[in-house]
Protein backbone atom coordinates (compact mmCIF):
# COMPACT_ATOMS: atom_id res chain seq x y z
CA MET A 1 4.70 27.83 7.97
CA SER A 2 2.06 26.78 5.44
CA PRO A 3 1.73 23.05 4.72
CA SER A 4 3.63 21.67 1.74
CA ALA A 5 1.91 20.47 -1.42
CA SER A 6 2.53 16.85 -0.46
CA ALA A 7 1.15 17.43 3.05
CA ARG A 8 -1.99 18.99 1.58
CA LEU A 9 -2.42 16.09 -0.84
CA THR A 10 -1.96 13.54 1.94
CA ARG A 11 -4.59 15.17 4.16
CA LYS A 12 -7.01 15.62 1.28
CA SER A 13 -6.69 12.00 0.19
CA GLY A 14 -8.13 10.63 3.43
CA THR A 15 -5.49 7.90 3.42
CA SER A 16 -5.57 5.39 6.26
CA PHE A 17 -1.86 6.12 6.68
CA TYR A 18 -2.48 9.69 7.87
CA TYR A 19 -2.65 8.81 11.56
CA ALA A 20 0.58 6.86 11.28
CA PHE A 21 2.34 9.82 9.68
CA LEU A 22 1.33 12.10 12.55
CA THR A 23 3.51 10.10 14.96
CA LEU A 24 6.68 11.07 13.08
CA PRO A 25 8.93 14.04 13.89
CA ARG A 26 8.65 16.95 11.47
CA GLU A 27 11.58 16.14 9.15
CA LYS A 28 10.53 12.50 8.74
CA ARG A 29 6.91 13.52 8.31
CA ARG A 30 7.83 15.90 5.48
CA ALA A 31 9.77 13.12 3.76
CA ILE A 32 7.01 10.53 4.10
CA TYR A 33 4.47 13.05 2.78
CA ALA A 34 6.68 13.56 -0.28
CA LEU A 35 6.95 9.80 -0.81
CA TYR A 36 3.19 9.32 -0.45
CA ALA A 37 2.46 12.25 -2.80
CA PHE A 38 4.78 10.80 -5.44
CA CYS A 39 3.04 7.42 -5.20
CA ARG A 40 -0.39 9.01 -5.39
CA THR A 41 0.59 11.24 -8.31
CA VAL A 42 2.02 8.48 -10.50
CA ASP A 43 -0.90 6.19 -9.62
CA ASP A 44 -3.29 8.92 -10.77
CA CYS A 45 -1.42 9.08 -14.09
CA VAL A 46 -2.60 5.52 -14.70
CA ASP A 47 -5.98 5.30 -12.98
CA GLU A 48 -7.68 8.69 -13.07
CA PRO A 49 -9.82 9.91 -16.01
CA GLY A 50 -7.65 12.19 -18.07
CA GLY A 51 -4.48 10.76 -16.52
CA GLU A 52 -1.39 11.19 -18.67
CA ARG A 53 -0.61 7.45 -18.59
CA GLU A 54 2.86 6.65 -20.02
CA ALA A 55 3.58 10.31 -20.81
CA GLY A 56 2.90 11.21 -17.18
CA LEU A 57 5.03 8.36 -15.86
CA ALA A 58 7.89 9.40 -18.15
CA ARG A 59 7.57 13.00 -16.98
CA TRP A 60 7.78 11.98 -13.32
CA GLU A 61 10.63 9.59 -14.06
CA ALA A 62 12.56 12.52 -15.47
CA GLU A 63 11.65 14.72 -12.49
CA LEU A 64 12.81 11.95 -10.14
CA ALA A 65 16.20 11.95 -11.88
CA ARG A 66 16.40 15.72 -11.46
CA ALA A 67 15.45 15.40 -7.78
CA TYR A 68 18.32 12.97 -7.17
CA ALA A 69 20.64 15.30 -9.08
CA GLY A 70 19.50 18.26 -6.97
CA ARG A 71 17.84 20.07 -9.90
CA PRO A 72 14.05 19.50 -9.52
CA GLU A 73 11.61 21.69 -11.43
CA SER A 74 8.32 21.13 -9.56
CA GLU A 75 7.19 21.69 -5.99
CA LEU A 76 6.82 17.96 -5.40
CA GLY A 77 10.20 17.41 -7.04
CA ARG A 78 11.77 19.85 -4.59
CA GLU A 79 10.16 18.01 -1.69
CA LEU A 80 11.48 14.71 -3.04
CA ALA A 81 14.94 16.23 -3.42
CA GLU A 82 14.83 17.33 0.20
CA ALA A 83 13.73 13.84 1.26
CA VAL A 84 16.49 12.00 -0.59
CA ARG A 85 19.05 14.52 0.65
CA HIS A 86 18.17 13.77 4.29
CA PHE A 87 17.41 10.04 4.05
CA PRO A 88 19.13 7.21 2.13
CA ILE A 89 16.09 6.29 0.04
CA PRO A 90 17.32 4.11 -2.82
CA ARG A 91 16.41 5.42 -6.24
CA SER A 92 15.56 1.82 -7.17
CA ALA A 93 12.54 1.98 -4.86
CA PHE A 94 11.04 4.83 -6.87
CA GLU A 95 11.93 3.06 -10.11
CA ASP A 96 10.12 -0.06 -8.92
CA ILE A 97 7.05 2.02 -8.07
CA LEU A 98 7.05 3.44 -11.60
CA ALA A 99 7.53 -0.06 -13.04
CA GLY A 100 4.49 -1.24 -11.07
CA CYS A 101 2.42 1.61 -12.47
CA ARG A 102 3.52 0.63 -15.96
CA MET A 103 2.28 -2.89 -15.26
CA ASP A 104 -1.18 -1.37 -14.73
CA LEU A 105 -0.96 0.09 -18.22
CA GLU A 106 0.03 -3.22 -19.78
CA THR A 107 -1.37 -6.07 -17.64
CA ARG A 108 -5.01 -6.71 -16.77
CA ARG A 109 -4.79 -10.32 -15.57
CA TYR A 110 -2.32 -12.34 -13.50
CA ALA A 111 -2.17 -16.06 -14.16
CA THR A 112 -0.44 -16.99 -10.91
CA PHE A 113 0.23 -15.56 -7.48
CA ALA A 114 3.93 -15.53 -8.34
CA GLU A 115 3.16 -13.05 -11.14
CA LEU A 116 0.91 -10.98 -8.88
CA ARG A 117 3.59 -10.90 -6.21
CA VAL A 118 5.97 -9.14 -8.61
CA TYR A 119 3.35 -6.43 -9.10
CA CYS A 120 2.65 -6.11 -5.36
CA GLU A 121 6.34 -5.87 -4.53
CA ARG A 122 6.72 -3.05 -7.02
CA VAL A 123 3.72 -0.94 -6.06
CA ALA A 124 3.73 -1.65 -2.31
CA SER A 125 6.83 -3.40 -0.95
CA ALA A 126 9.01 -0.84 -2.73
CA VAL A 127 7.13 1.89 -0.86
CA GLY A 128 7.83 0.02 2.37
CA LEU A 129 11.54 -0.23 1.56
CA ALA A 130 11.63 3.52 0.91
CA SER A 131 9.64 4.25 4.08
CA ILE A 132 11.91 2.35 6.45
CA GLU A 133 14.84 4.47 5.30
CA ILE A 134 12.85 7.46 6.55
CA PHE A 135 11.73 5.78 9.77
CA GLY A 136 15.25 4.55 10.51
CA TYR A 137 16.31 1.00 11.34
CA GLU A 138 19.35 -0.94 12.55
CA ASP A 139 18.74 -4.58 11.64
CA PRO A 140 18.81 -5.58 7.92
CA ARG A 141 15.98 -8.04 8.63
CA THR A 142 13.68 -5.03 8.82
CA ARG A 143 13.80 -4.97 5.03
CA VAL A 144 12.07 -8.36 5.02
CA TYR A 145 9.45 -6.83 7.32
CA ALA A 146 8.90 -4.00 4.82
CA VAL A 147 8.48 -6.40 1.91
CA GLU A 148 6.00 -8.65 3.75
CA LEU A 149 3.98 -5.76 5.11
CA GLY A 150 3.79 -4.20 1.64
CA LEU A 151 2.41 -7.46 0.27
CA ALA A 152 -0.19 -7.64 3.05
CA LEU A 153 -1.35 -4.05 2.50
CA GLN A 154 -1.61 -4.44 -1.27
CA LEU A 155 -3.50 -7.73 -1.02
CA THR A 156 -5.95 -6.01 1.34
CA ASN A 157 -6.46 -3.26 -1.22
CA ILE A 158 -7.03 -5.82 -3.97
CA LEU A 159 -9.72 -7.59 -1.96
CA ARG A 160 -11.71 -4.48 -1.15
CA ASP A 161 -11.34 -3.04 -4.67
CA VAL A 162 -12.63 -5.96 -6.76
CA ALA A 163 -15.56 -3.91 -8.07
CA GLN A 164 -13.50 -0.81 -8.87
CA ASP A 165 -10.95 -2.94 -10.69
CA ALA A 166 -13.64 -4.87 -12.57
CA ALA A 167 -14.99 -1.54 -13.83
CA ARG A 168 -11.52 -0.96 -15.37
CA ASP A 169 -11.48 -4.52 -16.79
CA ARG A 170 -8.79 -5.56 -14.33
CA VAL A 171 -8.68 -8.78 -12.32
CA TYR A 172 -5.90 -8.90 -9.74
CA LEU A 173 -7.03 -12.16 -8.13
CA PRO A 174 -4.78 -14.83 -9.67
CA LEU A 175 -6.55 -16.77 -12.40
CA GLU A 176 -5.16 -20.00 -10.95
CA ASP A 177 -7.15 -19.24 -7.77
CA LEU A 178 -10.34 -18.56 -9.71
CA GLY A 179 -9.90 -21.90 -11.45
CA ARG A 180 -9.23 -23.71 -8.19
CA PHE A 181 -12.56 -22.54 -6.77
CA GLY A 182 -14.54 -22.78 -10.00
CA VAL A 183 -15.18 -19.05 -10.40
CA GLY A 184 -15.12 -17.68 -13.95
CA GLU A 185 -13.84 -14.21 -14.80
CA ALA A 186 -17.22 -13.21 -16.23
CA GLU A 187 -19.02 -14.48 -13.12
CA LEU A 188 -16.69 -12.53 -10.87
CA ALA A 189 -17.15 -9.33 -12.86
CA LEU A 190 -20.93 -9.70 -12.90
CA ALA A 191 -21.06 -10.27 -9.14
CA ALA A 192 -18.82 -7.25 -8.59
CA LEU A 193 -20.68 -4.85 -10.87
CA ASP A 194 -24.32 -5.95 -10.47
CA ALA A 195 -25.68 -6.24 -6.93
CA ARG A 196 -28.65 -8.27 -8.25
CA ALA A 197 -26.46 -10.90 -9.88
CA PRO A 198 -26.11 -14.28 -8.14
CA ARG A 199 -22.81 -14.94 -6.40
CA PRO A 200 -20.88 -17.86 -7.95
CA ALA A 201 -20.94 -20.99 -5.80
CA GLY A 202 -17.21 -20.94 -5.12
CA LEU A 203 -16.87 -17.19 -4.56
CA ALA A 204 -17.07 -17.24 -0.77
CA SER A 205 -14.40 -19.92 -0.55
CA LEU A 206 -12.21 -18.05 -3.03
CA MET A 207 -12.40 -14.81 -1.08
CA ALA A 208 -11.81 -16.56 2.26
CA PHE A 209 -8.69 -18.14 0.72
CA GLU A 210 -7.44 -14.74 -0.45
CA ALA A 211 -8.11 -13.20 2.98
CA ALA A 212 -6.10 -15.97 4.62
CA ARG A 213 -3.22 -15.27 2.22
CA ALA A 214 -3.27 -11.57 3.15
CA ARG A 215 -3.29 -12.45 6.84
CA SER A 216 -0.35 -14.78 6.34
CA HIS A 217 1.70 -11.84 5.10
CA TYR A 218 0.70 -9.67 8.07
CA ALA A 219 1.87 -12.55 10.28
CA ALA A 220 5.11 -12.92 8.31
CA ALA A 221 5.79 -9.20 8.71
CA GLU A 222 5.19 -9.44 12.46
CA ARG A 223 7.63 -12.35 12.74
CA ALA A 224 10.27 -10.59 10.64
CA LEU A 225 10.36 -7.34 12.64
CA PRO A 226 13.49 -7.38 14.84
CA ALA A 227 13.00 -6.34 18.46
CA ARG A 228 15.57 -3.55 18.22
CA ASP A 229 13.60 -1.82 15.43
CA ARG A 230 10.12 -2.09 16.91
CA ARG A 231 10.11 1.44 18.27
CA SER A 232 11.32 3.04 15.04
CA MET A 233 8.67 1.12 13.08
CA ARG A 234 5.78 2.51 15.13
CA ALA A 235 4.32 4.38 12.15
CA ALA A 236 4.49 1.24 10.00
CA GLU A 237 2.81 -0.79 12.73
CA ILE A 238 -0.03 1.71 12.86
CA MET A 239 -0.46 1.33 9.10
CA ALA A 240 -0.52 -2.44 9.54
CA ALA A 241 -3.08 -2.27 12.34
CA VAL A 242 -5.43 0.02 10.41
CA TYR A 243 -5.26 -2.12 7.28
CA ARG A 244 -5.77 -5.30 9.29
CA GLY A 245 -8.85 -3.56 10.66
CA VAL A 246 -10.04 -2.94 7.10
CA LEU A 247 -9.46 -6.59 6.21
CA ASP A 248 -11.30 -7.75 9.35
CA GLU A 249 -14.24 -5.47 8.53
CA TRP A 250 -14.33 -6.76 4.95
CA VAL A 251 -14.42 -10.34 6.25
CA ARG A 252 -17.09 -9.43 8.82
CA ARG A 253 -19.30 -8.09 6.03
CA GLY A 254 -19.09 -11.42 4.22
CA HIS A 255 -16.24 -10.83 1.72
CA PRO A 256 -18.19 -8.38 -0.48
CA VAL A 257 -16.97 -8.02 -4.05
CA GLY A 258 -19.42 -5.25 -4.98
CA GLY A 259 -21.06 -2.26 -3.39
CA PRO A 260 -19.34 0.58 -1.52
CA ARG A 261 -15.65 0.25 -0.76
CA VAL A 262 -15.08 -0.97 2.79
CA ARG A 263 -13.79 1.90 4.90
CA LEU A 264 -13.27 2.55 8.60
CA SER A 265 -14.57 5.68 10.28
CA LYS A 266 -12.05 8.30 11.42
CA PRO A 267 -12.73 7.61 15.12
CA ARG A 268 -12.22 3.89 14.57
CA LYS A 269 -8.97 4.45 12.70
CA ALA A 270 -7.78 6.80 15.43
CA TRP A 271 -8.61 4.22 18.11
CA ILE A 272 -6.82 1.45 16.19
CA ALA A 273 -3.80 3.74 15.79
CA PHE A 274 -3.74 4.58 19.51
CA ARG A 275 -4.08 0.93 20.50
CA ALA A 276 -1.35 -0.18 18.06
CA LEU A 277 0.97 2.54 19.32
CA ALA A 278 0.45 1.54 22.94
CA ARG A 279 0.95 -2.14 22.17
CA ARG A 280 4.10 -1.53 20.14
CA ASP A 281 5.61 0.74 22.80
CA ARG A 282 5.00 -1.90 25.46
CA ALA A 283 6.63 -4.55 23.25
CA ALA A 284 9.62 -2.29 22.58
CA ALA A 285 10.03 -1.53 26.28
CA ASP A 286 9.93 -5.24 27.16
CA ALA A 287 12.33 -6.32 24.42
CA PRO A 288 15.82 -7.37 25.56
CA ARG A 289 18.58 -4.98 24.57
CA ALA A 290 21.36 -6.29 22.33
């Protein structure tokens, strides 16, 4: 059987999640590919040159409605329809993802972390809440795990994408944080886009603060994961481990705000995935049974 459109898109994207997806049985893997492809497609509507922007989001919103009604018109829509037929993915999760993409069309600055958190919960925690319905879980507290892990992953993306976002005239770091550390928006943009520009005096402290915030959400996710659902969340734990590795590498390089995007090599990601899988399986085996 030839790979689906969403599977091809997932492999082509080089996403750090790919190794996590491989641990899933076929039906769950097909569903998670469809979810990832939807997220990637609507994100491209907003961020890619020639993206359809609001028109594209509206088109996919309509296709999502058709998928839930069992009448999709596109290949990805058919894959989404299959996913929501087999797994109880709430439609609200997809609607939140679309709402987050619309925020990227309308909002270029966030005054406070509370405002940024709304955005992160829409574009990332909502994906986590959809994903755990595919992975399967027993304890409702696993939803808290999904929200916290989504926040951690999105904050990691924000930190390593400062330059790319500055090029689009976007600043996701809360303005209250910039003010706290005495870093101006113009100074941040210049440091991100011009390697020869001096780094603002408070930049290192600002970025260390943001890294600590991201790590606090990884820790909160770890604390929230109930023992009975550890095994079913193996794919999510691989995602967390790989992204923590990205954050650690970004910190090791001195919190860069410009230059090439921090990435991990395929062998390193594979090793992190293997190590996370082994650690999680040991923890699940040792956990007391309810």
